[in-house]
Amino acid sequence: MPIGIPKVPTDWWSSKEKKKDWVYVNYPLIIHSKILFLCREITGVWIDQVIGLLLYLSQQDDRDISLYIHSPGGSALSSIALYDVIKHVQGRVDVRTIGMGLAASGASLILVGGTKTKRFALPHARIMIHQPRTAPFIGTPREIELEAEELFRLREVIADMYSQNTGRPINEIQNDMERDTYMSATEAQAYGIVDRIIRKKQKEENKRRS
């Protein structure tokens, strides 16, 4: 398989021989299937595009939107913006969130914000929560004080979001956010961040039932 932009194989026949060619993944077709990817740092214009696609797809029909997450996190405010939009569209469609690889910091907040009973993790996913951080700040003592106050307010807001979606007390969440708290998929399920772990066995059982 070629390295670079994802491609998929396709077979075609000439009059003389059968050949195999590689074509680029059809991302518009994937989006039409209501599948989105959050697979980079959460920041800037790029996250606005994800939000725009989420809003657009929520208006098309009532099929679930699937959001696959593999991200180190990023901007706390951008993460909150995407979280709020996910909650906003849930009045019309369900949003499946699927953690894979690493869902850290703001990415774990988005993972937990999916529709309850439809928050998943792949078996070897890692999930990490911690308190919001800020870049080094230079200013007057009063400006530094105000920056710290805003950071504490942001910390309380994020802890409340985790608490609402996991059912755990805010003080427990805040204590766990004091450091980088990593969880396996199983631990994240017990914590309440995800509802189920997607395993091959489950797929086989579903096939047998159908």
N, C-alpha and C. Protein backbone atom coordinates (compact mmCIF):
# COMPACT_ATOMS: atom_id res chain seq x y z
N MET A 1 0.86 -1.20 0.00
CA MET A 1 0.00 0.00 0.00
C MET A 1 0.88 1.24 0.00
N PRO A 2 0.60 2.25 -0.82
CA PRO A 2 1.41 3.46 -0.85
C PRO A 2 1.41 4.16 0.50
N ILE A 3 2.51 4.84 0.79
CA ILE A 3 2.62 5.59 2.05
C ILE A 3 2.24 7.04 1.77
N GLY A 4 1.53 7.65 2.68
CA GLY A 4 1.14 9.04 2.52
C GLY A 4 -0.33 9.21 2.71
N ILE A 5 -0.98 9.90 1.79
CA ILE A 5 -2.43 10.08 1.88
C ILE A 5 -3.10 8.72 1.79
N PRO A 6 -4.03 8.39 2.68
CA PRO A 6 -4.65 7.06 2.68
C PRO A 6 -5.24 6.70 1.33
N LYS A 7 -5.00 5.47 0.90
CA LYS A 7 -5.56 4.96 -0.34
C LYS A 7 -6.15 3.58 -0.09
N VAL A 8 -7.07 3.17 -0.94
CA VAL A 8 -7.68 1.85 -0.83
C VAL A 8 -7.53 1.15 -2.17
N PRO A 9 -7.44 -0.19 -2.17
CA PRO A 9 -7.26 -0.91 -3.44
C PRO A 9 -8.56 -1.06 -4.20
N THR A 10 -8.46 -1.04 -5.48
CA THR A 10 -9.62 -1.32 -6.33
C THR A 10 -9.16 -2.17 -7.51
N ASP A 11 -9.94 -3.15 -7.89
CA ASP A 11 -9.61 -4.04 -9.00
C ASP A 11 -10.29 -3.56 -10.28
N TRP A 12 -9.57 -3.66 -11.38
CA TRP A 12 -10.19 -3.36 -12.66
C TRP A 12 -9.61 -4.30 -13.70
N TRP A 13 -10.36 -4.53 -14.74
CA TRP A 13 -9.98 -5.50 -15.76
C TRP A 13 -9.79 -4.83 -17.11
N SER A 14 -8.67 -5.12 -17.75
CA SER A 14 -8.49 -4.71 -19.14
C SER A 14 -8.83 -5.92 -20.02
N SER A 15 -8.70 -5.75 -21.30
CA SER A 15 -8.99 -6.87 -22.20
C SER A 15 -7.96 -7.98 -22.07
N LYS A 16 -6.81 -7.65 -21.51
CA LYS A 16 -5.73 -8.64 -21.45
C LYS A 16 -5.48 -9.19 -20.05
N GLU A 17 -5.62 -8.37 -19.05
CA GLU A 17 -5.25 -8.83 -17.71
C GLU A 17 -6.04 -8.10 -16.64
N LYS A 18 -6.03 -8.73 -15.47
CA LYS A 18 -6.65 -8.12 -14.30
C LYS A 18 -5.58 -7.31 -13.57
N LYS A 19 -5.91 -6.09 -13.20
CA LYS A 19 -4.94 -5.25 -12.52
C LYS A 19 -5.53 -4.70 -11.22
N LYS A 20 -4.64 -4.32 -10.33
CA LYS A 20 -5.07 -3.69 -9.07
C LYS A 20 -4.48 -2.29 -9.03
N ASP A 21 -5.32 -1.34 -8.73
CA ASP A 21 -4.88 0.05 -8.63
C ASP A 21 -5.20 0.57 -7.25
N TRP A 22 -4.61 1.71 -6.91
CA TRP A 22 -4.86 2.33 -5.61
C TRP A 22 -5.48 3.71 -5.84
N VAL A 23 -6.54 3.99 -5.12
CA VAL A 23 -7.22 5.27 -5.26
C VAL A 23 -7.28 5.95 -3.90
N TYR A 24 -7.33 7.27 -3.92
CA TYR A 24 -7.42 8.02 -2.67
C TYR A 24 -8.73 7.74 -1.95
N VAL A 25 -8.66 7.70 -0.61
CA VAL A 25 -9.88 7.55 0.19
C VAL A 25 -10.82 8.70 -0.14
N ASN A 26 -12.06 8.40 -0.32
CA ASN A 26 -13.06 9.40 -0.67
C ASN A 26 -13.60 10.04 0.60
N TYR A 27 -12.95 11.12 1.06
CA TYR A 27 -13.35 11.75 2.31
C TYR A 27 -14.76 12.33 2.25
N PRO A 28 -15.17 12.93 1.12
CA PRO A 28 -16.58 13.37 1.06
C PRO A 28 -17.56 12.23 1.29
N LEU A 29 -17.22 11.03 0.79
CA LEU A 29 -18.11 9.88 1.01
C LEU A 29 -18.13 9.49 2.48
N ILE A 30 -16.95 9.55 3.14
CA ILE A 30 -16.88 9.24 4.57
C ILE A 30 -17.74 10.23 5.36
N ILE A 31 -17.62 11.51 5.02
CA ILE A 31 -18.40 12.53 5.71
C ILE A 31 -19.89 12.31 5.46
N HIS A 32 -20.24 11.93 4.22
CA HIS A 32 -21.64 11.64 3.91
C HIS A 32 -22.16 10.50 4.79
N SER A 33 -21.26 9.59 5.18
CA SER A 33 -21.63 8.50 6.08
C SER A 33 -21.69 8.96 7.53
N LYS A 34 -21.48 10.27 7.75
CA LYS A 34 -21.57 10.90 9.08
C LYS A 34 -20.48 10.37 10.01
N ILE A 35 -19.27 10.25 9.45
CA ILE A 35 -18.10 9.84 10.21
C ILE A 35 -17.11 11.00 10.21
N LEU A 36 -16.69 11.44 11.40
CA LEU A 36 -15.72 12.52 11.55
C LEU A 36 -14.52 12.02 12.33
N PHE A 37 -13.38 12.71 12.14
CA PHE A 37 -12.15 12.32 12.82
C PHE A 37 -11.58 13.52 13.58
N LEU A 38 -11.24 13.28 14.82
CA LEU A 38 -10.54 14.28 15.64
C LEU A 38 -9.17 13.68 15.95
N CYS A 39 -8.23 13.86 15.04
CA CYS A 39 -6.96 13.14 15.11
C CYS A 39 -5.76 14.07 15.01
N ARG A 40 -5.84 15.19 15.70
CA ARG A 40 -4.70 16.11 15.79
C ARG A 40 -4.94 17.04 16.97
N GLU A 41 -4.05 17.98 17.16
CA GLU A 41 -4.18 18.90 18.28
C GLU A 41 -5.44 19.75 18.13
N ILE A 42 -6.10 20.00 19.25
CA ILE A 42 -7.35 20.75 19.25
C ILE A 42 -7.02 22.23 19.35
N THR A 43 -7.05 22.90 18.20
CA THR A 43 -6.70 24.31 18.20
C THR A 43 -7.06 24.95 16.87
N GLY A 44 -7.23 26.24 16.87
CA GLY A 44 -7.31 27.05 15.67
C GLY A 44 -8.45 26.77 14.72
N VAL A 45 -8.19 27.12 13.46
CA VAL A 45 -9.21 27.04 12.42
C VAL A 45 -9.66 25.60 12.21
N TRP A 46 -8.73 24.66 12.37
CA TRP A 46 -9.07 23.27 12.10
C TRP A 46 -10.23 22.79 12.96
N ILE A 47 -10.24 23.12 14.24
CA ILE A 47 -11.31 22.66 15.12
C ILE A 47 -12.63 23.35 14.75
N ASP A 48 -12.55 24.57 14.22
CA ASP A 48 -13.76 25.25 13.75
C ASP A 48 -14.37 24.49 12.57
N GLN A 49 -13.52 23.88 11.74
CA GLN A 49 -14.03 23.09 10.61
C GLN A 49 -14.76 21.84 11.11
N VAL A 50 -14.23 21.21 12.15
CA VAL A 50 -14.89 20.05 12.73
C VAL A 50 -16.26 20.46 13.29
N ILE A 51 -16.31 21.59 13.97
CA ILE A 51 -17.57 22.09 14.51
C ILE A 51 -18.56 22.37 13.38
N GLY A 52 -18.07 22.99 12.30
CA GLY A 52 -18.94 23.27 11.16
C GLY A 52 -19.52 22.01 10.54
N LEU A 53 -18.68 20.98 10.38
CA LEU A 53 -19.16 19.71 9.83
C LEU A 53 -20.17 19.05 10.75
N LEU A 54 -19.92 19.14 12.06
CA LEU A 54 -20.84 18.54 13.03
C LEU A 54 -22.21 19.20 12.94
N LEU A 55 -22.24 20.53 12.85
CA LEU A 55 -23.50 21.24 12.74
C LEU A 55 -24.21 20.91 11.42
N TYR A 56 -23.44 20.85 10.34
CA TYR A 56 -24.01 20.54 9.03
C TYR A 56 -24.63 19.15 9.03
N LEU A 57 -23.88 18.15 9.49
CA LEU A 57 -24.36 16.77 9.46
C LEU A 57 -25.56 16.56 10.37
N SER A 58 -25.64 17.32 11.45
CA SER A 58 -26.77 17.16 12.37
C SER A 58 -28.08 17.58 11.74
N GLN A 59 -28.00 18.38 10.67
CA GLN A 59 -29.21 18.87 10.01
C GLN A 59 -29.65 18.01 8.83
N GLN A 60 -28.83 17.02 8.46
CA GLN A 60 -29.12 16.25 7.26
C GLN A 60 -30.20 15.18 7.48
N ASP A 61 -30.06 14.39 8.52
CA ASP A 61 -31.04 13.35 8.84
C ASP A 61 -30.81 12.95 10.29
N ASP A 62 -31.55 11.95 10.75
CA ASP A 62 -31.46 11.58 12.17
C ASP A 62 -30.49 10.44 12.45
N ARG A 63 -29.64 10.08 11.49
CA ARG A 63 -28.63 9.05 11.73
C ARG A 63 -27.59 9.56 12.73
N ASP A 64 -27.02 8.64 13.53
CA ASP A 64 -25.98 9.03 14.47
C ASP A 64 -24.76 9.59 13.74
N ILE A 65 -24.08 10.52 14.38
CA ILE A 65 -22.78 11.00 13.92
C ILE A 65 -21.71 10.26 14.72
N SER A 66 -20.71 9.71 14.05
CA SER A 66 -19.62 9.02 14.73
C SER A 66 -18.37 9.89 14.71
N LEU A 67 -17.82 10.17 15.89
CA LEU A 67 -16.62 11.00 16.02
C LEU A 67 -15.50 10.15 16.60
N TYR A 68 -14.50 9.83 15.77
CA TYR A 68 -13.35 9.04 16.21
C TYR A 68 -12.28 9.99 16.74
N ILE A 69 -11.76 9.69 17.94
CA ILE A 69 -10.88 10.61 18.64
C ILE A 69 -9.51 9.98 18.91
N HIS A 70 -8.48 10.62 18.41
CA HIS A 70 -7.09 10.26 18.71
C HIS A 70 -6.31 11.56 18.74
N SER A 71 -6.20 12.16 19.92
CA SER A 71 -5.66 13.52 20.02
C SER A 71 -4.98 13.74 21.36
N PRO A 72 -3.88 14.52 21.37
CA PRO A 72 -3.22 14.85 22.63
C PRO A 72 -3.91 15.97 23.39
N GLY A 73 -5.01 16.47 22.83
CA GLY A 73 -5.69 17.60 23.46
C GLY A 73 -5.23 18.91 22.83
N GLY A 74 -5.32 19.98 23.57
CA GLY A 74 -4.92 21.29 23.03
C GLY A 74 -5.60 22.40 23.80
N SER A 75 -6.13 23.35 23.09
CA SER A 75 -6.76 24.51 23.70
C SER A 75 -7.99 24.10 24.53
N ALA A 76 -8.01 24.54 25.78
CA ALA A 76 -9.15 24.22 26.65
C ALA A 76 -10.43 24.86 26.13
N LEU A 77 -10.35 26.10 25.65
CA LEU A 77 -11.55 26.78 25.18
C LEU A 77 -12.07 26.17 23.87
N SER A 78 -11.16 25.75 22.99
CA SER A 78 -11.59 25.07 21.76
C SER A 78 -12.25 23.74 22.09
N SER A 79 -11.71 23.04 23.08
CA SER A 79 -12.28 21.76 23.51
C SER A 79 -13.69 21.97 24.07
N ILE A 80 -13.85 23.01 24.88
CA ILE A 80 -15.17 23.32 25.45
C ILE A 80 -16.15 23.69 24.35
N ALA A 81 -15.67 24.44 23.34
CA ALA A 81 -16.55 24.83 22.23
C ALA A 81 -17.08 23.60 21.51
N LEU A 82 -16.21 22.63 21.21
CA LEU A 82 -16.66 21.41 20.52
C LEU A 82 -17.57 20.59 21.43
N TYR A 83 -17.24 20.51 22.71
CA TYR A 83 -18.08 19.80 23.68
C TYR A 83 -19.49 20.40 23.68
N ASP A 84 -19.58 21.73 23.73
CA ASP A 84 -20.89 22.39 23.78
C ASP A 84 -21.69 22.14 22.51
N VAL A 85 -21.02 22.14 21.36
CA VAL A 85 -21.72 21.88 20.10
C VAL A 85 -22.23 20.44 20.06
N ILE A 86 -21.44 19.50 20.55
CA ILE A 86 -21.89 18.10 20.63
C ILE A 86 -23.16 18.01 21.46
N LYS A 87 -23.17 18.67 22.61
CA LYS A 87 -24.37 18.66 23.46
C LYS A 87 -25.54 19.37 22.76
N HIS A 88 -25.23 20.41 22.01
CA HIS A 88 -26.28 21.18 21.33
C HIS A 88 -26.98 20.34 20.27
N VAL A 89 -26.23 19.59 19.47
CA VAL A 89 -26.85 18.82 18.38
C VAL A 89 -27.53 17.56 18.89
N GLN A 90 -27.25 17.16 20.13
CA GLN A 90 -27.86 15.94 20.66
C GLN A 90 -29.37 16.07 20.82
N GLY A 91 -29.90 17.28 20.71
CA GLY A 91 -31.34 17.42 20.68
C GLY A 91 -31.95 16.89 19.40
N ARG A 92 -31.09 16.73 18.37
CA ARG A 92 -31.58 16.25 17.08
C ARG A 92 -31.02 14.88 16.72
N VAL A 93 -29.72 14.67 16.92
CA VAL A 93 -29.08 13.39 16.59
C VAL A 93 -28.18 12.96 17.74
N ASP A 94 -27.89 11.69 17.82
CA ASP A 94 -26.94 11.18 18.80
C ASP A 94 -25.53 11.28 18.22
N VAL A 95 -24.58 11.55 19.09
CA VAL A 95 -23.18 11.63 18.68
C VAL A 95 -22.41 10.50 19.36
N ARG A 96 -21.94 9.56 18.56
CA ARG A 96 -21.11 8.48 19.07
C ARG A 96 -19.68 8.99 19.15
N THR A 97 -19.04 8.86 20.31
CA THR A 97 -17.62 9.21 20.42
C THR A 97 -16.84 7.93 20.64
N ILE A 98 -15.76 7.78 19.89
CA ILE A 98 -14.95 6.56 19.95
C ILE A 98 -13.50 6.95 20.21
N GLY A 99 -12.99 6.58 21.38
CA GLY A 99 -11.60 6.85 21.72
C GLY A 99 -10.69 5.78 21.17
N MET A 100 -9.59 6.17 20.54
CA MET A 100 -8.61 5.23 20.01
C MET A 100 -7.24 5.85 20.17
N GLY A 101 -6.23 5.01 20.34
CA GLY A 101 -4.90 5.58 20.54
C GLY A 101 -4.85 6.34 21.85
N LEU A 102 -4.79 7.66 21.76
CA LEU A 102 -4.75 8.51 22.95
C LEU A 102 -5.83 9.58 22.86
N ALA A 103 -6.63 9.69 23.91
CA ALA A 103 -7.59 10.79 24.05
C ALA A 103 -7.22 11.50 25.34
N ALA A 104 -6.42 12.54 25.22
CA ALA A 104 -5.85 13.20 26.40
C ALA A 104 -6.38 14.62 26.55
N SER A 105 -6.39 15.08 27.79
CA SER A 105 -6.73 16.47 28.08
C SER A 105 -8.09 16.83 27.50
N GLY A 106 -8.16 17.85 26.64
CA GLY A 106 -9.43 18.27 26.06
C GLY A 106 -10.09 17.19 25.21
N ALA A 107 -9.29 16.29 24.64
CA ALA A 107 -9.86 15.21 23.83
C ALA A 107 -10.67 14.25 24.70
N SER A 108 -10.26 14.03 25.94
CA SER A 108 -11.04 13.16 26.83
C SER A 108 -12.34 13.85 27.24
N LEU A 109 -12.32 15.19 27.30
CA LEU A 109 -13.55 15.93 27.60
C LEU A 109 -14.56 15.75 26.46
N ILE A 110 -14.09 15.77 25.23
CA ILE A 110 -14.96 15.57 24.08
C ILE A 110 -15.46 14.13 24.05
N LEU A 111 -14.59 13.19 24.40
CA LEU A 111 -14.98 11.78 24.44
C LEU A 111 -16.12 11.56 25.43
N VAL A 112 -16.01 12.13 26.62
CA VAL A 112 -17.04 11.92 27.65
C VAL A 112 -18.32 12.67 27.31
N GLY A 113 -18.24 13.66 26.41
CA GLY A 113 -19.41 14.46 26.06
C GLY A 113 -20.34 13.83 25.05
N GLY A 114 -19.97 12.66 24.51
CA GLY A 114 -20.84 11.98 23.56
C GLY A 114 -22.15 11.55 24.21
N THR A 115 -23.08 11.10 23.38
CA THR A 115 -24.37 10.63 23.89
C THR A 115 -24.18 9.46 24.84
N LYS A 116 -24.76 9.54 26.02
CA LYS A 116 -24.61 8.46 26.99
C LYS A 116 -25.15 7.16 26.41
N THR A 117 -24.44 6.09 26.70
CA THR A 117 -24.61 4.73 26.17
C THR A 117 -23.96 4.59 24.80
N LYS A 118 -23.46 5.70 24.22
CA LYS A 118 -22.83 5.64 22.90
C LYS A 118 -21.43 6.24 22.93
N ARG A 119 -20.77 6.12 24.07
CA ARG A 119 -19.38 6.56 24.22
C ARG A 119 -18.52 5.30 24.30
N PHE A 120 -17.61 5.14 23.34
CA PHE A 120 -16.87 3.89 23.21
C PHE A 120 -15.37 4.13 23.27
N ALA A 121 -14.65 3.04 23.49
CA ALA A 121 -13.19 3.05 23.40
C ALA A 121 -12.74 1.76 22.74
N LEU A 122 -11.72 1.84 21.92
CA LEU A 122 -11.11 0.63 21.40
C LEU A 122 -10.27 0.00 22.51
N PRO A 123 -10.01 -1.30 22.43
CA PRO A 123 -9.41 -2.02 23.58
C PRO A 123 -8.11 -1.43 24.12
N HIS A 124 -7.27 -0.90 23.25
CA HIS A 124 -5.96 -0.42 23.71
C HIS A 124 -5.87 1.10 23.77
N ALA A 125 -7.01 1.76 23.78
CA ALA A 125 -7.02 3.22 23.89
C ALA A 125 -6.52 3.65 25.28
N ARG A 126 -5.92 4.83 25.33
CA ARG A 126 -5.51 5.44 26.59
C ARG A 126 -6.24 6.77 26.73
N ILE A 127 -6.73 7.03 27.93
CA ILE A 127 -7.47 8.25 28.19
C ILE A 127 -6.77 8.99 29.34
N MET A 128 -6.63 10.30 29.20
CA MET A 128 -5.94 11.07 30.24
C MET A 128 -6.71 12.35 30.57
N ILE A 129 -6.87 12.62 31.85
CA ILE A 129 -7.48 13.87 32.29
C ILE A 129 -6.48 14.64 33.13
N HIS A 130 -6.56 15.96 33.07
CA HIS A 130 -5.77 16.82 33.94
C HIS A 130 -6.39 18.21 33.93
N GLN A 131 -5.90 19.08 34.79
CA GLN A 131 -6.46 20.42 34.86
C GLN A 131 -5.93 21.27 33.71
N PRO A 132 -6.67 22.31 33.32
CA PRO A 132 -6.21 23.17 32.22
C PRO A 132 -4.91 23.88 32.58
N ARG A 133 -4.11 24.10 31.55
CA ARG A 133 -2.83 24.76 31.74
C ARG A 133 -2.75 25.98 30.85
N THR A 134 -1.86 26.89 31.20
CA THR A 134 -1.70 28.10 30.41
C THR A 134 -0.24 28.26 30.02
N ALA A 135 -0.02 28.97 28.94
CA ALA A 135 1.35 29.26 28.51
C ALA A 135 1.96 30.25 29.48
N PRO A 136 3.30 30.33 29.55
CA PRO A 136 3.94 31.31 30.43
C PRO A 136 3.38 32.71 30.18
N PHE A 137 3.03 33.39 31.26
CA PHE A 137 2.34 34.68 31.14
C PHE A 137 3.19 35.76 31.80
N ILE A 138 3.35 36.89 31.10
CA ILE A 138 4.11 38.02 31.62
C ILE A 138 3.17 39.22 31.70
N GLY A 139 3.16 39.87 32.85
CA GLY A 139 2.30 41.04 33.01
C GLY A 139 2.48 41.63 34.39
N THR A 140 1.62 42.58 34.72
CA THR A 140 1.67 43.19 36.04
C THR A 140 1.16 42.18 37.06
N PRO A 141 1.47 42.38 38.35
CA PRO A 141 0.94 41.47 39.38
C PRO A 141 -0.57 41.31 39.31
N ARG A 142 -1.30 42.41 39.03
CA ARG A 142 -2.76 42.32 38.96
C ARG A 142 -3.19 41.50 37.74
N GLU A 143 -2.50 41.68 36.61
CA GLU A 143 -2.83 40.90 35.42
C GLU A 143 -2.58 39.41 35.64
N ILE A 144 -1.50 39.11 36.32
CA ILE A 144 -1.19 37.70 36.62
C ILE A 144 -2.24 37.12 37.56
N GLU A 145 -2.70 37.93 38.52
CA GLU A 145 -3.74 37.48 39.46
C GLU A 145 -5.04 37.19 38.71
N LEU A 146 -5.42 38.08 37.79
CA LEU A 146 -6.64 37.88 37.02
C LEU A 146 -6.54 36.65 36.13
N GLU A 147 -5.37 36.43 35.54
CA GLU A 147 -5.15 35.25 34.70
C GLU A 147 -5.32 33.97 35.53
N ALA A 148 -4.78 33.99 36.75
CA ALA A 148 -4.89 32.82 37.63
C ALA A 148 -6.35 32.58 38.03
N GLU A 149 -7.09 33.66 38.33
CA GLU A 149 -8.50 33.52 38.69
C GLU A 149 -9.30 32.91 37.55
N GLU A 150 -9.03 33.35 36.32
CA GLU A 150 -9.73 32.81 35.16
C GLU A 150 -9.40 31.33 34.96
N LEU A 151 -8.15 30.97 35.22
CA LEU A 151 -7.73 29.57 35.07
C LEU A 151 -8.44 28.69 36.10
N PHE A 152 -8.61 29.20 37.31
CA PHE A 152 -9.32 28.44 38.34
C PHE A 152 -10.80 28.28 37.98
N ARG A 153 -11.40 29.34 37.41
CA ARG A 153 -12.80 29.23 36.98
C ARG A 153 -12.93 28.19 35.88
N LEU A 154 -11.99 28.19 34.96
CA LEU A 154 -12.01 27.23 33.87
C LEU A 154 -11.86 25.82 34.40
N ARG A 155 -11.02 25.66 35.40
CA ARG A 155 -10.82 24.35 36.02
C ARG A 155 -12.11 23.83 36.63
N GLU A 156 -12.85 24.73 37.31
CA GLU A 156 -14.13 24.33 37.92
C GLU A 156 -15.17 23.95 36.86
N VAL A 157 -15.21 24.70 35.77
CA VAL A 157 -16.16 24.42 34.70
C VAL A 157 -15.89 23.04 34.10
N ILE A 158 -14.63 22.75 33.82
CA ILE A 158 -14.26 21.47 33.21
C ILE A 158 -14.54 20.32 34.18
N ALA A 159 -14.22 20.50 35.45
CA ALA A 159 -14.48 19.46 36.44
C ALA A 159 -15.98 19.18 36.53
N ASP A 160 -16.80 20.23 36.43
CA ASP A 160 -18.25 20.06 36.47
C ASP A 160 -18.74 19.28 35.24
N MET A 161 -18.13 19.51 34.09
CA MET A 161 -18.50 18.78 32.87
C MET A 161 -18.21 17.28 33.05
N TYR A 162 -17.03 16.96 33.53
CA TYR A 162 -16.70 15.55 33.78
C TYR A 162 -17.67 14.94 34.79
N SER A 163 -17.98 15.71 35.83
CA SER A 163 -18.86 15.21 36.88
C SER A 163 -20.26 14.91 36.34
N GLN A 164 -20.80 15.82 35.52
CA GLN A 164 -22.14 15.61 34.97
C GLN A 164 -22.21 14.37 34.09
N ASN A 165 -21.12 14.07 33.40
CA ASN A 165 -21.14 12.97 32.43
C ASN A 165 -20.67 11.64 33.01
N THR A 166 -20.00 11.66 34.15
CA THR A 166 -19.53 10.41 34.76
C THR A 166 -20.31 10.05 36.01
N GLY A 167 -20.99 11.04 36.61
CA GLY A 167 -21.71 10.78 37.86
C GLY A 167 -20.82 10.80 39.08
N ARG A 168 -19.56 11.18 38.90
CA ARG A 168 -18.64 11.24 40.04
C ARG A 168 -18.65 12.62 40.68
N PRO A 169 -18.39 12.71 42.00
CA PRO A 169 -18.39 14.01 42.69
C PRO A 169 -17.34 14.95 42.11
N ILE A 170 -17.64 16.24 42.12
CA ILE A 170 -16.71 17.23 41.57
C ILE A 170 -15.39 17.22 42.32
N ASN A 171 -15.43 17.06 43.64
CA ASN A 171 -14.17 17.07 44.40
C ASN A 171 -13.27 15.90 44.03
N GLU A 172 -13.88 14.77 43.69
CA GLU A 172 -13.08 13.62 43.24
C GLU A 172 -12.45 13.91 41.89
N ILE A 173 -13.24 14.51 40.99
CA ILE A 173 -12.72 14.87 39.67
C ILE A 173 -11.58 15.87 39.81
N GLN A 174 -11.77 16.89 40.62
CA GLN A 174 -10.73 17.91 40.80
C GLN A 174 -9.46 17.32 41.37
N ASN A 175 -9.59 16.38 42.29
CA ASN A 175 -8.43 15.73 42.86
C ASN A 175 -7.68 14.93 41.79
N ASP A 176 -8.41 14.22 40.94
CA ASP A 176 -7.78 13.44 39.89
C ASP A 176 -7.16 14.32 38.81
N MET A 177 -7.69 15.54 38.66
CA MET A 177 -7.16 16.47 37.65
C MET A 177 -5.90 17.20 38.13
N GLU A 178 -5.54 17.04 39.39
CA GLU A 178 -4.35 17.72 39.92
C GLU A 178 -3.07 17.26 39.21
N ARG A 179 -3.11 16.06 38.65
CA ARG A 179 -1.95 15.51 37.95
C ARG A 179 -2.46 14.88 36.65
N ASP A 180 -1.53 14.44 35.82
CA ASP A 180 -1.92 13.71 34.62
C ASP A 180 -2.39 12.31 35.03
N THR A 181 -3.68 12.06 34.93
CA THR A 181 -4.24 10.77 35.31
C THR A 181 -4.57 9.97 34.06
N TYR A 182 -3.77 8.93 33.81
CA TYR A 182 -3.96 8.09 32.63
C TYR A 182 -4.82 6.88 33.00
N MET A 183 -5.65 6.46 32.06
CA MET A 183 -6.53 5.31 32.26
C MET A 183 -6.48 4.41 31.03
N SER A 184 -6.60 3.11 31.29
CA SER A 184 -6.82 2.17 30.20
C SER A 184 -8.28 2.27 29.77
N ALA A 185 -8.63 1.59 28.70
CA ALA A 185 -10.03 1.60 28.27
C ALA A 185 -10.93 1.03 29.36
N THR A 186 -10.48 -0.02 30.02
CA THR A 186 -11.26 -0.64 31.09
C THR A 186 -11.42 0.32 32.26
N GLU A 187 -10.35 1.01 32.63
CA GLU A 187 -10.41 1.96 33.74
C GLU A 187 -11.31 3.15 33.39
N ALA A 188 -11.23 3.59 32.13
CA ALA A 188 -12.09 4.70 31.70
C ALA A 188 -13.56 4.31 31.73
N GLN A 189 -13.84 3.04 31.43
CA GLN A 189 -15.22 2.56 31.51
C GLN A 189 -15.69 2.55 32.96
N ALA A 190 -14.86 2.07 33.86
CA ALA A 190 -15.22 2.05 35.28
C ALA A 190 -15.39 3.48 35.83
N TYR A 191 -14.61 4.42 35.28
CA TYR A 191 -14.66 5.80 35.73
C TYR A 191 -15.91 6.51 35.22
N GLY A 192 -16.47 6.01 34.12
CA GLY A 192 -17.66 6.63 33.55
C GLY A 192 -17.40 7.50 32.34
N ILE A 193 -16.16 7.51 31.85
CA ILE A 193 -15.85 8.34 30.68
C ILE A 193 -16.36 7.68 29.41
N VAL A 194 -16.29 6.36 29.35
CA VAL A 194 -16.88 5.63 28.22
C VAL A 194 -17.88 4.62 28.76
N ASP A 195 -18.79 4.20 27.89
CA ASP A 195 -19.82 3.25 28.28
C ASP A 195 -19.46 1.81 27.93
N ARG A 196 -18.75 1.65 26.81
CA ARG A 196 -18.42 0.30 26.37
C ARG A 196 -17.07 0.28 25.68
N ILE A 197 -16.47 -0.89 25.69
CA ILE A 197 -15.23 -1.12 24.95
C ILE A 197 -15.58 -1.95 23.72
N ILE A 198 -15.18 -1.49 22.56
CA ILE A 198 -15.49 -2.20 21.32
C ILE A 198 -14.49 -3.34 21.14
N ARG A 199 -15.01 -4.54 21.16
CA ARG A 199 -14.16 -5.72 20.98
C ARG A 199 -14.68 -6.55 19.81
N LYS A 200 -13.80 -7.33 19.22
CA LYS A 200 -14.17 -8.17 18.08
C LYS A 200 -15.26 -9.17 18.47
N LYS A 201 -15.18 -9.67 19.70
CA LYS A 201 -16.14 -10.65 20.17
C LYS A 201 -17.55 -10.10 20.12
N GLN A 202 -17.71 -8.81 20.48
CA GLN A 202 -19.03 -8.19 20.47
C GLN A 202 -19.60 -8.16 19.06
N LYS A 203 -18.75 -7.88 18.06
CA LYS A 203 -19.21 -7.84 16.68
C LYS A 203 -19.68 -9.22 16.23
N GLU A 204 -18.93 -10.26 16.61
CA GLU A 204 -19.31 -11.62 16.23
C GLU A 204 -20.62 -12.03 16.88
N GLU A 205 -20.83 -11.60 18.14
CA GLU A 205 -22.08 -11.93 18.82
C GLU A 205 -23.26 -11.23 18.15
N ASN A 206 -23.04 -9.98 17.72
CA ASN A 206 -24.11 -9.25 17.04
C ASN A 206 -24.49 -9.93 15.73
N LYS A 207 -23.50 -10.45 15.04
CA LYS A 207 -23.77 -11.15 13.77
C LYS A 207 -24.59 -12.41 14.02
N ARG A 208 -24.24 -13.14 15.09
CA ARG A 208 -24.98 -14.36 15.40
C ARG A 208 -26.42 -14.06 15.77
N ARG A 209 -26.65 -12.95 16.48
CA ARG A 209 -28.00 -12.60 16.88
C ARG A 209 -28.85 -12.17 15.68
N SER A 210 -28.20 -11.51 14.70
CA SER A 210 -28.92 -11.07 13.50
C SER A 210 -29.05 -12.20 12.49
